[in-house]
N, C-alpha and C. Protein backbone atom coordinates (compact mmCIF):
# COMPACT_ATOMS: atom_id res chain seq x y z
N MET A 1 144.76 -31.40 -67.34
CA MET A 1 143.68 -30.73 -66.67
C MET A 1 143.97 -30.60 -65.19
N GLY A 2 144.94 -31.29 -64.65
CA GLY A 2 145.17 -31.24 -63.21
C GLY A 2 144.19 -32.16 -62.51
N ARG A 3 143.92 -31.88 -61.27
CA ARG A 3 142.95 -32.67 -60.53
C ARG A 3 141.55 -32.13 -60.83
N PRO A 4 140.72 -32.91 -61.53
CA PRO A 4 139.39 -32.42 -61.88
C PRO A 4 138.51 -32.29 -60.64
N LEU A 5 137.46 -31.51 -60.78
CA LEU A 5 136.50 -31.38 -59.69
C LEU A 5 135.88 -32.74 -59.42
N SER A 6 135.64 -33.02 -58.16
CA SER A 6 134.92 -34.24 -57.83
C SER A 6 133.48 -33.85 -57.50
N LYS A 7 132.64 -34.84 -57.34
CA LYS A 7 131.23 -34.54 -57.10
C LYS A 7 131.03 -33.79 -55.80
N ASP A 8 131.94 -33.96 -54.84
CA ASP A 8 131.85 -33.16 -53.64
C ASP A 8 133.25 -32.78 -53.17
N VAL A 9 133.33 -31.64 -52.52
CA VAL A 9 134.59 -31.16 -51.95
C VAL A 9 134.32 -30.90 -50.47
N ASN A 10 135.06 -31.56 -49.62
CA ASN A 10 134.88 -31.44 -48.17
C ASN A 10 133.44 -31.74 -47.75
N GLY A 11 132.81 -32.69 -48.42
CA GLY A 11 131.46 -33.10 -48.06
C GLY A 11 130.35 -32.22 -48.62
N VAL A 12 130.70 -31.22 -49.43
CA VAL A 12 129.69 -30.34 -50.03
C VAL A 12 129.58 -30.67 -51.51
N ARG A 13 128.36 -30.87 -52.00
CA ARG A 13 128.12 -31.22 -53.40
C ARG A 13 128.57 -30.08 -54.30
N VAL A 14 129.42 -30.38 -55.29
CA VAL A 14 129.94 -29.39 -56.22
C VAL A 14 129.33 -29.60 -57.60
N ILE A 15 129.41 -30.82 -58.12
CA ILE A 15 128.85 -31.14 -59.43
C ILE A 15 128.12 -32.48 -59.35
N GLY A 16 127.39 -32.78 -60.37
CA GLY A 16 126.68 -34.05 -60.42
C GLY A 16 125.25 -33.83 -60.85
N THR A 17 124.31 -34.57 -60.27
CA THR A 17 122.91 -34.45 -60.62
C THR A 17 122.39 -33.09 -60.19
N PHE A 18 121.68 -32.42 -61.09
CA PHE A 18 121.11 -31.11 -60.80
C PHE A 18 120.11 -31.22 -59.65
N THR A 19 120.25 -30.35 -58.65
CA THR A 19 119.32 -30.36 -57.51
C THR A 19 118.59 -29.03 -57.37
N GLY A 20 119.02 -28.01 -58.08
CA GLY A 20 118.33 -26.72 -58.02
C GLY A 20 118.81 -25.78 -56.95
N ASP A 21 119.52 -26.27 -55.94
CA ASP A 21 119.94 -25.36 -54.89
C ASP A 21 121.29 -25.71 -54.28
N ALA A 22 122.01 -26.65 -54.86
CA ALA A 22 123.30 -27.04 -54.31
C ALA A 22 124.33 -27.07 -55.42
N GLY A 23 125.55 -26.80 -55.05
CA GLY A 23 126.63 -26.83 -56.02
C GLY A 23 127.03 -25.43 -56.46
N ILE A 24 127.93 -25.39 -57.41
CA ILE A 24 128.47 -24.12 -57.89
C ILE A 24 127.51 -23.52 -58.90
N ARG A 25 127.05 -22.31 -58.61
CA ARG A 25 126.18 -21.57 -59.52
C ARG A 25 127.04 -20.67 -60.40
N VAL A 26 126.75 -20.65 -61.69
CA VAL A 26 127.52 -19.86 -62.64
C VAL A 26 126.59 -19.00 -63.48
N VAL A 27 127.16 -17.97 -64.08
CA VAL A 27 126.46 -17.14 -65.05
C VAL A 27 126.81 -17.70 -66.42
N GLY A 28 125.83 -17.83 -67.30
CA GLY A 28 126.09 -18.35 -68.63
C GLY A 28 125.29 -17.63 -69.68
N LYS A 29 125.84 -17.61 -70.90
CA LYS A 29 125.12 -17.03 -72.03
C LYS A 29 124.96 -18.10 -73.10
N PHE A 30 123.70 -18.45 -73.36
CA PHE A 30 123.38 -19.44 -74.37
C PHE A 30 122.14 -18.96 -75.11
N GLY A 31 122.13 -19.10 -76.44
CA GLY A 31 121.00 -18.66 -77.24
C GLY A 31 120.77 -17.16 -77.17
N GLY A 32 121.85 -16.40 -76.92
CA GLY A 32 121.74 -14.94 -76.87
C GLY A 32 121.23 -14.39 -75.56
N THR A 33 120.93 -15.25 -74.58
CA THR A 33 120.38 -14.80 -73.29
C THR A 33 121.34 -15.14 -72.17
N THR A 34 121.60 -14.17 -71.29
CA THR A 34 122.46 -14.38 -70.12
C THR A 34 121.59 -14.67 -68.91
N ASN A 35 121.91 -15.74 -68.19
CA ASN A 35 121.19 -16.11 -66.97
C ASN A 35 122.19 -16.38 -65.85
N THR A 36 121.76 -16.12 -64.62
CA THR A 36 122.64 -16.26 -63.47
C THR A 36 122.40 -17.53 -62.67
N ASP A 37 121.56 -18.42 -63.18
CA ASP A 37 121.19 -19.58 -62.38
C ASP A 37 121.53 -20.92 -63.02
N TYR A 38 122.67 -21.00 -63.68
CA TYR A 38 123.15 -22.29 -64.19
C TYR A 38 123.94 -22.99 -63.09
N TYR A 39 123.90 -24.32 -63.09
CA TYR A 39 124.67 -25.12 -62.15
C TYR A 39 125.55 -26.07 -62.94
N ILE A 40 126.76 -26.31 -62.43
CA ILE A 40 127.69 -27.24 -63.08
C ILE A 40 127.21 -28.67 -62.84
N VAL A 41 127.13 -29.45 -63.92
CA VAL A 41 126.77 -30.86 -63.78
C VAL A 41 127.90 -31.79 -64.23
N LYS A 42 128.87 -31.25 -64.98
CA LYS A 42 129.98 -32.09 -65.43
C LYS A 42 131.14 -31.20 -65.87
N GLN A 43 132.35 -31.66 -65.59
CA GLN A 43 133.54 -30.96 -66.06
C GLN A 43 134.06 -31.69 -67.29
N ARG A 44 134.27 -30.96 -68.38
CA ARG A 44 134.78 -31.54 -69.63
C ARG A 44 136.27 -31.33 -69.80
N GLY A 45 136.80 -30.27 -69.23
CA GLY A 45 138.21 -29.93 -69.33
C GLY A 45 138.53 -28.92 -68.26
N ALA A 46 139.75 -28.40 -68.27
CA ALA A 46 140.17 -27.45 -67.24
C ALA A 46 139.32 -26.19 -67.24
N LYS A 47 138.80 -25.81 -68.41
CA LYS A 47 138.04 -24.57 -68.53
C LYS A 47 136.67 -24.77 -69.18
N THR A 48 136.26 -26.01 -69.36
CA THR A 48 135.01 -26.31 -70.05
C THR A 48 134.10 -27.13 -69.14
N TYR A 49 132.83 -26.70 -69.05
CA TYR A 49 131.88 -27.35 -68.15
C TYR A 49 130.53 -27.53 -68.85
N VAL A 50 129.82 -28.58 -68.45
CA VAL A 50 128.44 -28.77 -68.87
C VAL A 50 127.59 -28.20 -67.74
N VAL A 51 126.63 -27.33 -68.11
CA VAL A 51 125.79 -26.67 -67.11
C VAL A 51 124.31 -26.85 -67.47
N THR A 52 123.45 -26.66 -66.47
CA THR A 52 122.00 -26.72 -66.69
C THR A 52 121.30 -25.75 -65.75
N ARG A 53 120.12 -25.32 -66.17
CA ARG A 53 119.26 -24.48 -65.33
C ARG A 53 118.09 -25.29 -64.78
N ASP A 54 117.72 -26.35 -65.48
CA ASP A 54 116.49 -27.06 -65.14
C ASP A 54 116.65 -28.58 -65.00
N GLY A 55 117.82 -29.11 -65.25
CA GLY A 55 118.03 -30.55 -65.15
C GLY A 55 117.65 -31.33 -66.38
N THR A 56 117.11 -30.66 -67.41
CA THR A 56 116.75 -31.36 -68.64
C THR A 56 117.48 -30.80 -69.86
N THR A 57 117.80 -29.51 -69.87
CA THR A 57 118.53 -28.89 -70.98
C THR A 57 119.96 -28.63 -70.53
N TYR A 58 120.92 -29.17 -71.28
CA TYR A 58 122.33 -29.05 -70.92
C TYR A 58 123.07 -28.24 -71.97
N GLN A 59 123.99 -27.40 -71.52
CA GLN A 59 124.81 -26.56 -72.40
C GLN A 59 126.27 -26.75 -72.01
N THR A 60 127.18 -26.65 -72.99
CA THR A 60 128.61 -26.70 -72.72
C THR A 60 129.15 -25.29 -72.82
N GLY A 61 129.82 -24.85 -71.75
CA GLY A 61 130.34 -23.49 -71.70
C GLY A 61 131.82 -23.47 -71.36
N VAL A 62 132.47 -22.38 -71.76
CA VAL A 62 133.90 -22.17 -71.51
C VAL A 62 134.05 -20.98 -70.58
N LEU A 63 134.93 -21.09 -69.59
CA LEU A 63 135.16 -20.01 -68.63
C LEU A 63 135.64 -18.75 -69.34
N ALA A 64 135.09 -17.61 -68.95
CA ALA A 64 135.47 -16.31 -69.51
C ALA A 64 135.54 -15.31 -68.36
N SER A 65 136.26 -14.20 -68.58
CA SER A 65 136.38 -13.18 -67.54
C SER A 65 135.15 -12.30 -67.48
N SER A 66 134.35 -12.29 -68.53
CA SER A 66 133.06 -11.61 -68.55
C SER A 66 132.20 -12.27 -69.62
N ILE A 67 130.90 -12.09 -69.50
CA ILE A 67 129.97 -12.73 -70.42
C ILE A 67 129.81 -11.85 -71.66
N VAL A 68 130.31 -12.34 -72.80
CA VAL A 68 130.23 -11.59 -74.05
C VAL A 68 129.59 -12.43 -75.14
N ASN A 69 130.11 -13.63 -75.34
CA ASN A 69 129.70 -14.49 -76.44
C ASN A 69 128.83 -15.65 -75.97
N ASN A 70 128.03 -16.20 -76.89
CA ASN A 70 127.31 -17.44 -76.59
C ASN A 70 128.31 -18.52 -76.21
N GLY A 71 128.02 -19.27 -75.18
CA GLY A 71 128.92 -20.32 -74.71
C GLY A 71 129.86 -19.88 -73.62
N ASP A 72 129.85 -18.59 -73.26
CA ASP A 72 130.67 -18.10 -72.15
C ASP A 72 129.99 -18.42 -70.83
N ILE A 73 130.78 -18.85 -69.85
CA ILE A 73 130.28 -18.98 -68.49
C ILE A 73 131.24 -18.25 -67.57
N LEU A 74 130.72 -17.75 -66.47
CA LEU A 74 131.50 -16.99 -65.50
C LEU A 74 131.34 -17.62 -64.14
N ILE A 75 132.46 -18.07 -63.57
CA ILE A 75 132.48 -18.57 -62.20
C ILE A 75 133.21 -17.52 -61.38
N THR A 76 132.57 -17.06 -60.31
CA THR A 76 133.21 -16.09 -59.44
C THR A 76 133.36 -16.66 -58.05
N GLY A 77 134.36 -16.16 -57.34
CA GLY A 77 134.58 -16.51 -55.95
C GLY A 77 134.80 -15.24 -55.17
N SER A 78 134.76 -15.34 -53.86
CA SER A 78 134.94 -14.18 -53.00
C SER A 78 136.08 -14.43 -52.03
N THR A 79 136.87 -13.40 -51.78
CA THR A 79 137.94 -13.49 -50.80
C THR A 79 137.44 -13.10 -49.42
N ASN A 80 136.16 -12.74 -49.32
CA ASN A 80 135.57 -12.32 -48.06
C ASN A 80 134.38 -13.22 -47.76
N VAL A 81 134.49 -14.06 -46.74
CA VAL A 81 133.45 -15.05 -46.44
C VAL A 81 132.13 -14.40 -46.09
N GLY A 82 132.12 -13.18 -45.62
CA GLY A 82 130.89 -12.51 -45.25
C GLY A 82 130.23 -11.77 -46.39
N ARG A 83 130.77 -11.88 -47.58
CA ARG A 83 130.22 -11.14 -48.72
C ARG A 83 129.91 -12.12 -49.85
N THR A 84 128.66 -12.26 -50.21
CA THR A 84 128.27 -13.13 -51.30
C THR A 84 128.59 -12.44 -52.61
N PRO A 85 129.38 -13.07 -53.50
CA PRO A 85 129.69 -12.44 -54.77
C PRO A 85 128.45 -12.33 -55.65
N THR A 86 128.36 -11.25 -56.38
CA THR A 86 127.24 -11.05 -57.28
C THR A 86 127.63 -11.56 -58.65
N PRO A 87 126.93 -12.60 -59.17
CA PRO A 87 127.24 -13.07 -60.51
C PRO A 87 126.93 -11.98 -61.53
N GLY A 88 127.70 -11.91 -62.58
CA GLY A 88 127.42 -10.91 -63.61
C GLY A 88 128.65 -10.47 -64.34
N SER A 89 128.61 -9.30 -64.90
CA SER A 89 129.66 -8.81 -65.78
C SER A 89 131.02 -8.73 -65.10
N THR A 90 131.43 -7.57 -64.65
CA THR A 90 132.75 -7.41 -64.05
C THR A 90 132.67 -7.64 -62.56
N PRO A 91 133.49 -8.54 -62.01
CA PRO A 91 133.46 -8.79 -60.58
C PRO A 91 133.83 -7.53 -59.80
N SER A 92 133.17 -7.29 -58.67
CA SER A 92 133.47 -6.13 -57.85
C SER A 92 134.57 -6.48 -56.86
N VAL A 93 134.93 -5.53 -56.01
CA VAL A 93 135.99 -5.72 -55.02
C VAL A 93 135.65 -6.93 -54.15
N GLY A 94 136.61 -7.82 -53.97
CA GLY A 94 136.40 -9.02 -53.18
C GLY A 94 135.83 -10.18 -53.98
N SER A 95 135.34 -9.91 -55.18
CA SER A 95 134.78 -10.94 -56.04
C SER A 95 135.72 -11.12 -57.23
N ILE A 96 136.06 -12.37 -57.53
CA ILE A 96 137.09 -12.65 -58.52
C ILE A 96 136.57 -13.64 -59.55
N ALA A 97 136.74 -13.31 -60.84
CA ALA A 97 136.39 -14.22 -61.93
C ALA A 97 137.48 -15.28 -62.03
N LEU A 98 137.07 -16.54 -62.16
CA LEU A 98 138.03 -17.64 -62.19
C LEU A 98 138.26 -18.14 -63.61
N ALA A 99 139.55 -18.36 -63.93
CA ALA A 99 139.94 -18.85 -65.24
C ALA A 99 140.07 -20.36 -65.26
N LYS A 100 140.27 -20.96 -64.05
CA LYS A 100 140.45 -22.41 -63.96
C LYS A 100 140.05 -22.83 -62.55
N LEU A 101 139.40 -23.98 -62.46
CA LEU A 101 138.99 -24.50 -61.16
C LEU A 101 139.28 -25.99 -61.13
N THR A 102 140.10 -26.40 -60.17
CA THR A 102 140.40 -27.82 -59.99
C THR A 102 139.94 -28.23 -58.59
N LYS A 103 140.16 -29.47 -58.25
CA LYS A 103 139.69 -29.98 -56.95
C LYS A 103 140.27 -29.19 -55.79
N ARG A 104 141.50 -28.73 -55.91
CA ARG A 104 142.15 -28.07 -54.78
C ARG A 104 142.45 -26.59 -54.99
N LEU A 105 142.60 -26.16 -56.25
CA LEU A 105 143.00 -24.78 -56.51
C LEU A 105 142.09 -24.09 -57.51
N ALA A 106 141.97 -22.79 -57.33
CA ALA A 106 141.29 -21.92 -58.28
C ALA A 106 142.33 -20.93 -58.79
N THR A 107 142.26 -20.59 -60.08
CA THR A 107 143.18 -19.64 -60.69
C THR A 107 142.37 -18.54 -61.35
N ASP A 108 142.76 -17.28 -61.11
CA ASP A 108 142.03 -16.18 -61.74
C ASP A 108 142.68 -15.83 -63.08
N PHE A 109 142.16 -14.82 -63.76
CA PHE A 109 142.65 -14.46 -65.09
C PHE A 109 143.98 -13.71 -65.05
N ASP A 110 144.48 -13.38 -63.84
CA ASP A 110 145.80 -12.78 -63.67
C ASP A 110 146.81 -13.81 -63.19
N SER A 111 146.46 -15.09 -63.24
CA SER A 111 147.29 -16.24 -62.83
C SER A 111 147.55 -16.31 -61.34
N ASN A 112 146.75 -15.63 -60.51
CA ASN A 112 146.84 -15.78 -59.06
C ASN A 112 146.12 -17.07 -58.68
N THR A 113 146.65 -17.80 -57.69
CA THR A 113 146.03 -19.05 -57.28
C THR A 113 145.45 -18.93 -55.88
N TYR A 114 144.42 -19.72 -55.63
CA TYR A 114 143.70 -19.69 -54.36
C TYR A 114 143.31 -21.11 -53.99
N THR A 115 143.28 -21.40 -52.69
CA THR A 115 142.57 -22.59 -52.24
C THR A 115 141.12 -22.15 -52.10
N TRP A 116 140.19 -23.10 -52.14
CA TRP A 116 138.78 -22.71 -52.12
C TRP A 116 137.92 -23.74 -51.42
N TYR A 117 136.74 -23.28 -51.01
CA TYR A 117 135.71 -24.16 -50.49
C TYR A 117 134.36 -23.51 -50.77
N LEU A 118 133.29 -24.30 -50.67
CA LEU A 118 131.94 -23.78 -50.89
C LEU A 118 131.31 -23.40 -49.56
N SER A 119 130.56 -22.32 -49.58
CA SER A 119 129.83 -21.86 -48.40
C SER A 119 128.46 -21.37 -48.84
N ASN A 120 127.51 -21.41 -47.93
CA ASN A 120 126.21 -20.80 -48.21
C ASN A 120 125.89 -19.75 -47.16
N TYR A 121 126.92 -19.04 -46.71
CA TYR A 121 126.81 -17.99 -45.70
C TYR A 121 125.68 -17.02 -46.05
N GLN A 122 124.77 -16.80 -45.15
CA GLN A 122 123.65 -15.87 -45.25
C GLN A 122 122.62 -16.25 -46.30
N ASP A 123 122.80 -17.31 -47.04
CA ASP A 123 121.88 -17.58 -48.12
C ASP A 123 121.89 -19.07 -48.42
N SER A 124 120.76 -19.72 -48.31
CA SER A 124 120.72 -21.15 -48.57
C SER A 124 120.20 -21.47 -49.97
N THR A 125 120.05 -20.45 -50.85
CA THR A 125 119.55 -20.71 -52.20
C THR A 125 120.64 -21.23 -53.13
N GLY A 126 121.87 -21.22 -52.72
CA GLY A 126 122.96 -21.72 -53.54
C GLY A 126 124.28 -21.47 -52.85
N ASP A 127 125.23 -22.31 -53.11
CA ASP A 127 126.55 -22.16 -52.51
C ASP A 127 127.39 -21.18 -53.31
N PHE A 128 128.40 -20.59 -52.67
CA PHE A 128 129.35 -19.77 -53.40
C PHE A 128 130.76 -20.12 -52.97
N ILE A 129 131.71 -19.73 -53.79
CA ILE A 129 133.10 -20.11 -53.60
C ILE A 129 133.81 -19.08 -52.73
N VAL A 130 134.44 -19.55 -51.68
CA VAL A 130 135.26 -18.69 -50.81
C VAL A 130 136.72 -18.98 -51.16
N LEU A 131 137.46 -17.93 -51.49
CA LEU A 131 138.85 -18.06 -51.93
C LEU A 131 139.83 -17.59 -50.85
N THR A 132 140.94 -18.33 -50.73
CA THR A 132 142.04 -17.93 -49.84
C THR A 132 143.30 -17.91 -50.69
N PRO A 133 143.96 -16.73 -50.82
CA PRO A 133 145.17 -16.67 -51.65
C PRO A 133 146.24 -17.64 -51.16
N THR A 134 146.94 -18.27 -52.10
CA THR A 134 148.06 -19.14 -51.74
C THR A 134 149.30 -18.27 -51.65
N THR A 135 150.24 -18.70 -50.83
CA THR A 135 151.47 -17.92 -50.66
C THR A 135 152.65 -18.60 -51.26
């Protein structure tokens, strides 16, 4: 699995106890319904995460490039710090769907790697991932 996510990265909460407004927000499809407000509470594997919307109901999801099947989750990051990525189907320009996320690196579905950090630029309702391509 590489280096798993820790509860915080650079002092910013990434996973752990659900707080409703901190950590990595993901899009998930469970029970036939897609929602954009799931938060990661635990990492099970390189591509598998336990997520929750309310802190009481937990779902296990697998990273996907788009939301199609029940159990799919989508984590997106942005290469532009001034642009908040829009969670949802196909990522737009500057927004990248991630295939793998570790403590230090993010990998997209084309096997490109990025260093990353969380930011809440322009919006304090949730953090988003800022990506920097590795060379």
